[in-house]
N, C-alpha and C. Protein backbone atom coordinates (compact mmCIF):
# COMPACT_ATOMS: atom_id res chain seq x y z
N MET A 1 -67.14 2.39 -40.54
CA MET A 1 -66.82 2.93 -41.85
C MET A 1 -67.85 2.40 -42.84
N GLY A 2 -68.05 3.12 -43.89
CA GLY A 2 -69.06 2.77 -44.87
C GLY A 2 -68.59 1.82 -45.94
N SER A 3 -69.44 1.62 -46.90
CA SER A 3 -69.24 0.59 -47.90
C SER A 3 -68.17 0.92 -48.96
N GLU A 4 -67.62 2.09 -48.95
CA GLU A 4 -66.61 2.42 -49.95
C GLU A 4 -65.19 2.03 -49.54
N LEU A 5 -65.02 1.55 -48.32
CA LEU A 5 -63.71 1.13 -47.87
C LEU A 5 -63.37 -0.22 -48.49
N LYS A 6 -62.30 -0.26 -49.23
CA LYS A 6 -61.87 -1.51 -49.84
C LYS A 6 -61.02 -2.29 -48.84
N ILE A 7 -61.28 -3.59 -48.75
CA ILE A 7 -60.56 -4.46 -47.83
C ILE A 7 -59.87 -5.54 -48.66
N VAL A 8 -58.56 -5.68 -48.49
CA VAL A 8 -57.81 -6.72 -49.19
C VAL A 8 -57.88 -7.97 -48.32
N THR A 9 -58.67 -8.96 -48.75
CA THR A 9 -58.87 -10.16 -47.94
C THR A 9 -57.86 -11.26 -48.26
N THR A 10 -57.44 -11.34 -49.52
CA THR A 10 -56.43 -12.31 -49.93
C THR A 10 -55.59 -11.67 -51.02
N SER A 11 -54.50 -12.31 -51.36
CA SER A 11 -53.65 -11.78 -52.42
C SER A 11 -54.46 -11.66 -53.71
N GLY A 12 -54.59 -10.45 -54.19
CA GLY A 12 -55.30 -10.23 -55.44
C GLY A 12 -56.80 -10.17 -55.31
N ARG A 13 -57.34 -10.20 -54.08
CA ARG A 13 -58.80 -10.19 -53.91
C ARG A 13 -59.19 -9.15 -52.87
N GLY A 14 -60.20 -8.37 -53.19
CA GLY A 14 -60.70 -7.37 -52.27
C GLY A 14 -62.21 -7.42 -52.19
N ARG A 15 -62.73 -6.84 -51.14
CA ARG A 15 -64.17 -6.77 -50.93
C ARG A 15 -64.52 -5.39 -50.39
N LYS A 16 -65.79 -5.06 -50.48
CA LYS A 16 -66.34 -3.87 -49.85
C LYS A 16 -67.57 -4.32 -49.08
N ALA A 17 -67.47 -4.37 -47.77
CA ALA A 17 -68.61 -4.71 -46.94
C ALA A 17 -69.56 -3.52 -46.87
N ASP A 18 -70.80 -3.76 -46.49
CA ASP A 18 -71.75 -2.66 -46.36
C ASP A 18 -71.35 -1.72 -45.23
N ALA A 19 -70.77 -2.28 -44.17
CA ALA A 19 -70.24 -1.47 -43.07
C ALA A 19 -69.10 -2.25 -42.42
N VAL A 20 -68.12 -1.51 -41.92
CA VAL A 20 -66.95 -2.09 -41.27
C VAL A 20 -66.80 -1.42 -39.91
N VAL A 21 -66.55 -2.23 -38.88
CA VAL A 21 -66.39 -1.69 -37.53
C VAL A 21 -64.99 -2.03 -37.02
N LEU A 22 -64.29 -0.98 -36.57
CA LEU A 22 -63.02 -1.15 -35.88
C LEU A 22 -63.25 -0.68 -34.45
N LEU A 23 -63.09 -1.58 -33.50
CA LEU A 23 -63.27 -1.22 -32.10
C LEU A 23 -62.07 -0.43 -31.61
N PRO A 24 -62.22 0.30 -30.49
CA PRO A 24 -61.14 1.20 -30.03
C PRO A 24 -59.78 0.54 -29.86
N GLU A 25 -59.71 -0.71 -29.47
CA GLU A 25 -58.42 -1.36 -29.24
C GLU A 25 -57.76 -1.87 -30.53
N THR A 26 -58.44 -1.72 -31.66
CA THR A 26 -57.93 -2.18 -32.94
C THR A 26 -57.07 -1.11 -33.60
N LYS A 27 -56.05 -1.57 -34.30
CA LYS A 27 -55.17 -0.67 -35.04
C LYS A 27 -56.00 0.18 -36.01
N PRO A 28 -55.77 1.50 -36.04
CA PRO A 28 -56.55 2.35 -36.94
C PRO A 28 -56.27 2.02 -38.41
N PRO A 29 -57.22 2.35 -39.28
CA PRO A 29 -57.04 2.07 -40.71
C PRO A 29 -56.00 3.02 -41.31
N PRO A 30 -55.46 2.66 -42.46
CA PRO A 30 -54.52 3.57 -43.12
C PRO A 30 -55.24 4.84 -43.57
N ARG A 31 -54.48 5.91 -43.70
CA ARG A 31 -55.08 7.18 -44.14
C ARG A 31 -55.59 7.09 -45.58
N SER A 32 -54.94 6.25 -46.36
CA SER A 32 -55.38 6.07 -47.74
C SER A 32 -55.10 4.62 -48.15
N GLY A 33 -55.78 4.20 -49.16
CA GLY A 33 -55.59 2.84 -49.65
C GLY A 33 -56.47 1.84 -48.91
N PRO A 34 -56.37 0.58 -49.30
CA PRO A 34 -57.25 -0.44 -48.72
C PRO A 34 -56.83 -0.86 -47.31
N LEU A 35 -57.78 -1.43 -46.61
CA LEU A 35 -57.53 -2.01 -45.30
C LEU A 35 -56.95 -3.41 -45.52
N ARG A 36 -55.80 -3.69 -44.91
CA ARG A 36 -55.14 -4.98 -45.09
C ARG A 36 -55.16 -5.85 -43.84
N ASP A 37 -55.59 -5.29 -42.72
CA ASP A 37 -55.71 -6.04 -41.48
C ASP A 37 -57.19 -6.29 -41.23
N PRO A 38 -57.53 -7.46 -40.68
CA PRO A 38 -58.96 -7.74 -40.47
C PRO A 38 -59.59 -6.79 -39.45
N PRO A 39 -60.74 -6.24 -39.79
CA PRO A 39 -61.47 -5.41 -38.83
C PRO A 39 -62.16 -6.30 -37.80
N ASP A 40 -62.80 -5.69 -36.84
CA ASP A 40 -63.50 -6.46 -35.81
C ASP A 40 -64.83 -7.01 -36.31
N ILE A 41 -65.55 -6.20 -37.08
CA ILE A 41 -66.89 -6.59 -37.52
C ILE A 41 -67.09 -6.18 -38.98
N PHE A 42 -67.61 -7.11 -39.75
CA PHE A 42 -68.13 -6.81 -41.09
C PHE A 42 -69.64 -6.93 -41.00
N ILE A 43 -70.34 -5.98 -41.59
CA ILE A 43 -71.80 -6.02 -41.62
C ILE A 43 -72.24 -6.05 -43.07
N GLU A 44 -73.06 -7.03 -43.40
CA GLU A 44 -73.62 -7.14 -44.75
C GLU A 44 -75.14 -7.10 -44.66
N VAL A 45 -75.75 -6.29 -45.52
CA VAL A 45 -77.20 -6.28 -45.68
C VAL A 45 -77.48 -7.18 -46.86
N VAL A 46 -78.21 -8.25 -46.62
CA VAL A 46 -78.45 -9.26 -47.65
C VAL A 46 -79.32 -8.69 -48.75
N THR A 47 -78.85 -8.81 -49.97
CA THR A 47 -79.58 -8.38 -51.15
C THR A 47 -80.51 -9.50 -51.59
N PRO A 48 -81.79 -9.18 -51.87
CA PRO A 48 -82.76 -10.24 -52.13
C PRO A 48 -82.75 -10.83 -53.54
N THR A 49 -81.59 -11.15 -54.04
CA THR A 49 -81.51 -11.91 -55.29
C THR A 49 -80.71 -13.17 -54.98
N PRO A 50 -81.04 -14.29 -55.62
CA PRO A 50 -80.33 -15.54 -55.30
C PRO A 50 -78.82 -15.43 -55.41
N ARG A 51 -78.32 -14.78 -56.43
CA ARG A 51 -76.88 -14.66 -56.63
C ARG A 51 -76.23 -13.86 -55.50
N ASP A 52 -76.84 -12.72 -55.17
CA ASP A 52 -76.28 -11.87 -54.12
C ASP A 52 -76.43 -12.50 -52.74
N GLU A 53 -77.55 -13.16 -52.50
CA GLU A 53 -77.75 -13.80 -51.20
C GLU A 53 -76.71 -14.91 -51.00
N ARG A 54 -76.44 -15.68 -52.04
CA ARG A 54 -75.41 -16.72 -51.95
C ARG A 54 -74.04 -16.10 -51.67
N ARG A 55 -73.75 -14.99 -52.34
CA ARG A 55 -72.47 -14.32 -52.13
C ARG A 55 -72.33 -13.86 -50.67
N ASP A 56 -73.40 -13.26 -50.12
CA ASP A 56 -73.34 -12.77 -48.73
C ASP A 56 -73.28 -13.91 -47.72
N ARG A 57 -74.06 -14.96 -47.94
CA ARG A 57 -74.19 -16.04 -46.95
C ARG A 57 -73.14 -17.14 -47.08
N VAL A 58 -72.54 -17.30 -48.25
CA VAL A 58 -71.59 -18.40 -48.44
C VAL A 58 -70.20 -17.87 -48.78
N GLU A 59 -70.08 -17.18 -49.90
CA GLU A 59 -68.75 -16.75 -50.38
C GLU A 59 -68.08 -15.77 -49.41
N LYS A 60 -68.78 -14.69 -49.08
CA LYS A 60 -68.18 -13.69 -48.21
C LYS A 60 -67.93 -14.25 -46.81
N MET A 61 -68.87 -15.04 -46.32
CA MET A 61 -68.71 -15.60 -44.98
C MET A 61 -67.43 -16.43 -44.89
N SER A 62 -67.21 -17.27 -45.86
CA SER A 62 -66.01 -18.11 -45.87
C SER A 62 -64.75 -17.26 -46.01
N GLU A 63 -64.80 -16.31 -46.91
CA GLU A 63 -63.64 -15.45 -47.16
C GLU A 63 -63.31 -14.57 -45.95
N TYR A 64 -64.32 -14.01 -45.30
CA TYR A 64 -64.09 -13.16 -44.14
C TYR A 64 -63.55 -13.96 -42.96
N ALA A 65 -64.04 -15.19 -42.79
CA ALA A 65 -63.53 -16.04 -41.71
C ALA A 65 -62.06 -16.35 -41.94
N GLU A 66 -61.71 -16.72 -43.15
CA GLU A 66 -60.31 -17.02 -43.47
C GLU A 66 -59.42 -15.80 -43.27
N PHE A 67 -59.96 -14.62 -43.55
CA PHE A 67 -59.23 -13.36 -43.38
C PHE A 67 -59.01 -13.04 -41.90
N GLY A 68 -59.92 -13.51 -41.04
CA GLY A 68 -59.76 -13.30 -39.61
C GLY A 68 -60.67 -12.25 -39.00
N VAL A 69 -61.77 -11.92 -39.67
CA VAL A 69 -62.73 -10.95 -39.13
C VAL A 69 -63.45 -11.60 -37.95
N ARG A 70 -63.39 -10.97 -36.78
CA ARG A 70 -63.91 -11.60 -35.55
C ARG A 70 -65.41 -11.83 -35.57
N TYR A 71 -66.17 -10.88 -36.11
CA TYR A 71 -67.63 -11.02 -36.12
C TYR A 71 -68.17 -10.65 -37.50
N TYR A 72 -69.17 -11.41 -37.93
CA TYR A 72 -69.83 -11.16 -39.20
C TYR A 72 -71.31 -11.03 -38.92
N TRP A 73 -71.86 -9.85 -39.23
CA TRP A 73 -73.29 -9.61 -39.02
C TRP A 73 -73.99 -9.67 -40.37
N LEU A 74 -75.10 -10.39 -40.41
CA LEU A 74 -75.96 -10.42 -41.59
C LEU A 74 -77.31 -9.82 -41.21
N VAL A 75 -77.70 -8.80 -41.94
CA VAL A 75 -79.00 -8.16 -41.75
C VAL A 75 -79.81 -8.45 -43.00
N ASP A 76 -80.92 -9.14 -42.83
CA ASP A 76 -81.75 -9.52 -43.98
C ASP A 76 -83.10 -8.83 -43.86
N PRO A 77 -83.28 -7.68 -44.53
CA PRO A 77 -84.54 -6.93 -44.44
C PRO A 77 -85.73 -7.71 -45.00
N THR A 78 -85.52 -8.54 -46.01
CA THR A 78 -86.62 -9.29 -46.59
C THR A 78 -87.18 -10.30 -45.59
N LEU A 79 -86.29 -11.05 -44.93
CA LEU A 79 -86.71 -12.02 -43.92
C LEU A 79 -86.90 -11.39 -42.55
N ARG A 80 -86.46 -10.13 -42.43
CA ARG A 80 -86.44 -9.45 -41.13
C ARG A 80 -85.68 -10.29 -40.12
N ALA A 81 -84.47 -10.65 -40.52
CA ALA A 81 -83.61 -11.49 -39.69
C ALA A 81 -82.30 -10.77 -39.43
N PHE A 82 -81.78 -10.97 -38.23
CA PHE A 82 -80.50 -10.40 -37.83
C PHE A 82 -79.67 -11.54 -37.24
N GLU A 83 -78.48 -11.75 -37.81
CA GLU A 83 -77.62 -12.82 -37.35
C GLU A 83 -76.23 -12.28 -37.04
N VAL A 84 -75.62 -12.82 -36.00
CA VAL A 84 -74.25 -12.50 -35.64
C VAL A 84 -73.48 -13.81 -35.60
N PHE A 85 -72.37 -13.83 -36.33
CA PHE A 85 -71.49 -15.00 -36.37
C PHE A 85 -70.16 -14.63 -35.74
N GLY A 86 -69.61 -15.55 -34.96
CA GLY A 86 -68.32 -15.33 -34.31
C GLY A 86 -67.27 -16.26 -34.88
N LEU A 87 -66.06 -15.77 -35.00
CA LEU A 87 -64.95 -16.53 -35.57
C LEU A 87 -64.48 -17.60 -34.57
N THR A 88 -64.29 -18.82 -35.07
CA THR A 88 -63.78 -19.91 -34.23
C THR A 88 -62.27 -20.04 -34.44
N SER A 89 -61.65 -20.86 -33.62
CA SER A 89 -60.20 -21.07 -33.75
C SER A 89 -59.85 -21.80 -35.05
N GLN A 90 -60.84 -22.43 -35.69
CA GLN A 90 -60.61 -23.11 -36.98
C GLN A 90 -60.86 -22.19 -38.18
N ARG A 91 -61.02 -20.90 -37.90
CA ARG A 91 -61.28 -19.90 -38.95
C ARG A 91 -62.56 -20.22 -39.74
N THR A 92 -63.58 -20.58 -39.00
CA THR A 92 -64.93 -20.70 -39.53
C THR A 92 -65.82 -19.87 -38.60
N TYR A 93 -67.07 -19.68 -39.00
CA TYR A 93 -67.98 -18.93 -38.16
C TYR A 93 -69.01 -19.84 -37.51
N GLU A 94 -69.35 -19.51 -36.26
CA GLU A 94 -70.47 -20.15 -35.60
C GLU A 94 -71.51 -19.08 -35.34
N ARG A 95 -72.77 -19.46 -35.48
CA ARG A 95 -73.84 -18.49 -35.27
C ARG A 95 -74.05 -18.27 -33.78
N LEU A 96 -73.94 -17.01 -33.35
CA LEU A 96 -74.09 -16.64 -31.96
C LEU A 96 -75.46 -16.05 -31.67
N VAL A 97 -76.03 -15.38 -32.67
CA VAL A 97 -77.34 -14.75 -32.54
C VAL A 97 -78.08 -14.97 -33.85
N GLY A 98 -79.34 -15.31 -33.75
CA GLY A 98 -80.21 -15.42 -34.91
C GLY A 98 -81.63 -15.09 -34.48
N VAL A 99 -82.08 -13.87 -34.74
CA VAL A 99 -83.39 -13.42 -34.27
C VAL A 99 -84.11 -12.63 -35.37
N THR A 100 -85.42 -12.51 -35.19
CA THR A 100 -86.21 -11.74 -36.15
C THR A 100 -86.91 -10.55 -35.52
N GLY A 101 -86.91 -10.48 -34.21
CA GLY A 101 -87.57 -9.37 -33.55
C GLY A 101 -87.10 -9.23 -32.13
N GLY A 102 -87.66 -8.24 -31.45
CA GLY A 102 -87.29 -8.00 -30.06
C GLY A 102 -86.01 -7.18 -29.97
N ARG A 103 -85.36 -7.32 -28.83
CA ARG A 103 -84.12 -6.58 -28.56
C ARG A 103 -82.98 -7.56 -28.36
N ILE A 104 -81.83 -7.21 -28.86
CA ILE A 104 -80.62 -7.97 -28.60
C ILE A 104 -79.84 -7.17 -27.58
N GLU A 105 -79.71 -7.71 -26.39
CA GLU A 105 -78.95 -7.06 -25.33
C GLU A 105 -77.51 -7.58 -25.41
N ASN A 106 -76.54 -6.72 -25.20
CA ASN A 106 -75.13 -7.14 -25.18
C ASN A 106 -74.74 -7.94 -26.42
N VAL A 107 -74.76 -7.28 -27.54
CA VAL A 107 -74.40 -7.90 -28.82
C VAL A 107 -72.98 -8.45 -28.73
N PRO A 108 -72.76 -9.71 -29.17
CA PRO A 108 -71.40 -10.28 -29.12
C PRO A 108 -70.37 -9.35 -29.79
N GLY A 109 -69.30 -9.11 -29.08
CA GLY A 109 -68.25 -8.20 -29.56
C GLY A 109 -68.49 -6.76 -29.18
N CYS A 110 -69.70 -6.42 -28.81
CA CYS A 110 -70.08 -5.06 -28.41
C CYS A 110 -70.96 -5.16 -27.17
N PRO A 111 -70.39 -5.51 -26.03
CA PRO A 111 -71.20 -5.85 -24.85
C PRO A 111 -72.14 -4.77 -24.34
N ASP A 112 -71.91 -3.52 -24.65
CA ASP A 112 -72.81 -2.46 -24.19
C ASP A 112 -73.83 -2.05 -25.26
N LEU A 113 -73.79 -2.71 -26.40
CA LEU A 113 -74.70 -2.36 -27.50
C LEU A 113 -76.00 -3.15 -27.39
N CYS A 114 -77.10 -2.45 -27.55
CA CYS A 114 -78.42 -3.06 -27.58
C CYS A 114 -79.05 -2.69 -28.92
N ILE A 115 -79.60 -3.67 -29.63
CA ILE A 115 -80.24 -3.41 -30.92
C ILE A 115 -81.72 -3.74 -30.80
N ASP A 116 -82.56 -2.77 -31.10
CA ASP A 116 -84.01 -2.95 -31.07
C ASP A 116 -84.47 -3.27 -32.49
N LEU A 117 -84.64 -4.56 -32.76
CA LEU A 117 -85.01 -4.99 -34.11
C LEU A 117 -86.41 -4.55 -34.50
N ASP A 118 -87.34 -4.55 -33.56
CA ASP A 118 -88.69 -4.11 -33.88
C ASP A 118 -88.67 -2.67 -34.38
N ALA A 119 -87.87 -1.83 -33.74
CA ALA A 119 -87.74 -0.43 -34.18
C ALA A 119 -87.05 -0.34 -35.54
N LEU A 120 -86.05 -1.18 -35.75
CA LEU A 120 -85.34 -1.18 -37.04
C LEU A 120 -86.29 -1.57 -38.16
N TRP A 121 -87.04 -2.66 -37.99
CA TRP A 121 -87.94 -3.11 -39.05
C TRP A 121 -89.05 -2.07 -39.28
N ALA A 122 -89.54 -1.44 -38.21
CA ALA A 122 -90.57 -0.40 -38.35
C ALA A 122 -90.03 0.79 -39.14
N GLU A 123 -88.79 1.18 -38.86
CA GLU A 123 -88.19 2.30 -39.60
C GLU A 123 -87.98 1.95 -41.07
N LEU A 124 -87.56 0.74 -41.35
CA LEU A 124 -87.40 0.31 -42.75
C LEU A 124 -88.74 0.30 -43.48
N ALA A 125 -89.79 -0.14 -42.80
CA ALA A 125 -91.13 -0.12 -43.40
C ALA A 125 -91.57 1.30 -43.68
N ARG A 126 -91.32 2.20 -42.73
CA ARG A 126 -91.68 3.61 -42.90
C ARG A 126 -90.95 4.23 -44.07
N LEU A 127 -89.64 3.93 -44.19
CA LEU A 127 -88.85 4.45 -45.31
C LEU A 127 -89.34 3.89 -46.64
N GLY A 128 -89.74 2.61 -46.64
CA GLY A 128 -90.27 2.00 -47.85
C GLY A 128 -91.57 2.65 -48.30
N GLU A 129 -92.40 3.01 -47.35
CA GLU A 129 -93.66 3.69 -47.67
C GLU A 129 -93.41 5.08 -48.23
N ALA A 130 -92.34 5.73 -47.78
CA ALA A 130 -92.02 7.08 -48.23
C ALA A 130 -91.56 7.11 -49.67
N GLU A 131 -91.05 5.99 -50.15
CA GLU A 131 -90.57 5.93 -51.54
C GLU A 131 -91.74 5.89 -52.43
């Protein structure tokens, strides 16, 4: 799901991740209104400003872990970095993947998914040139 889906993470607090993934075995989202159950994956594209980067890397990470989101992906186009964090039993995240290039085979939480980062960064560069 895209970035317009509102997620209620705590009483009185909501977020909108850049992308939300619900795997097939997860309860489907409501037809309307915010998502109140933790999804399987939140994906954030890091915004290259100090305030936004802190929000993505510190505030959201802590909040999403407490909410119970199993995996948190951070995609940083400026650093060309891709990170996958997995939820621990203490409701914190541990970094499972941290790479800047190549291919990620069997992405944690999505064992049949392969991500070609070199192709991703090349496509982003191409799109940037088109602007």
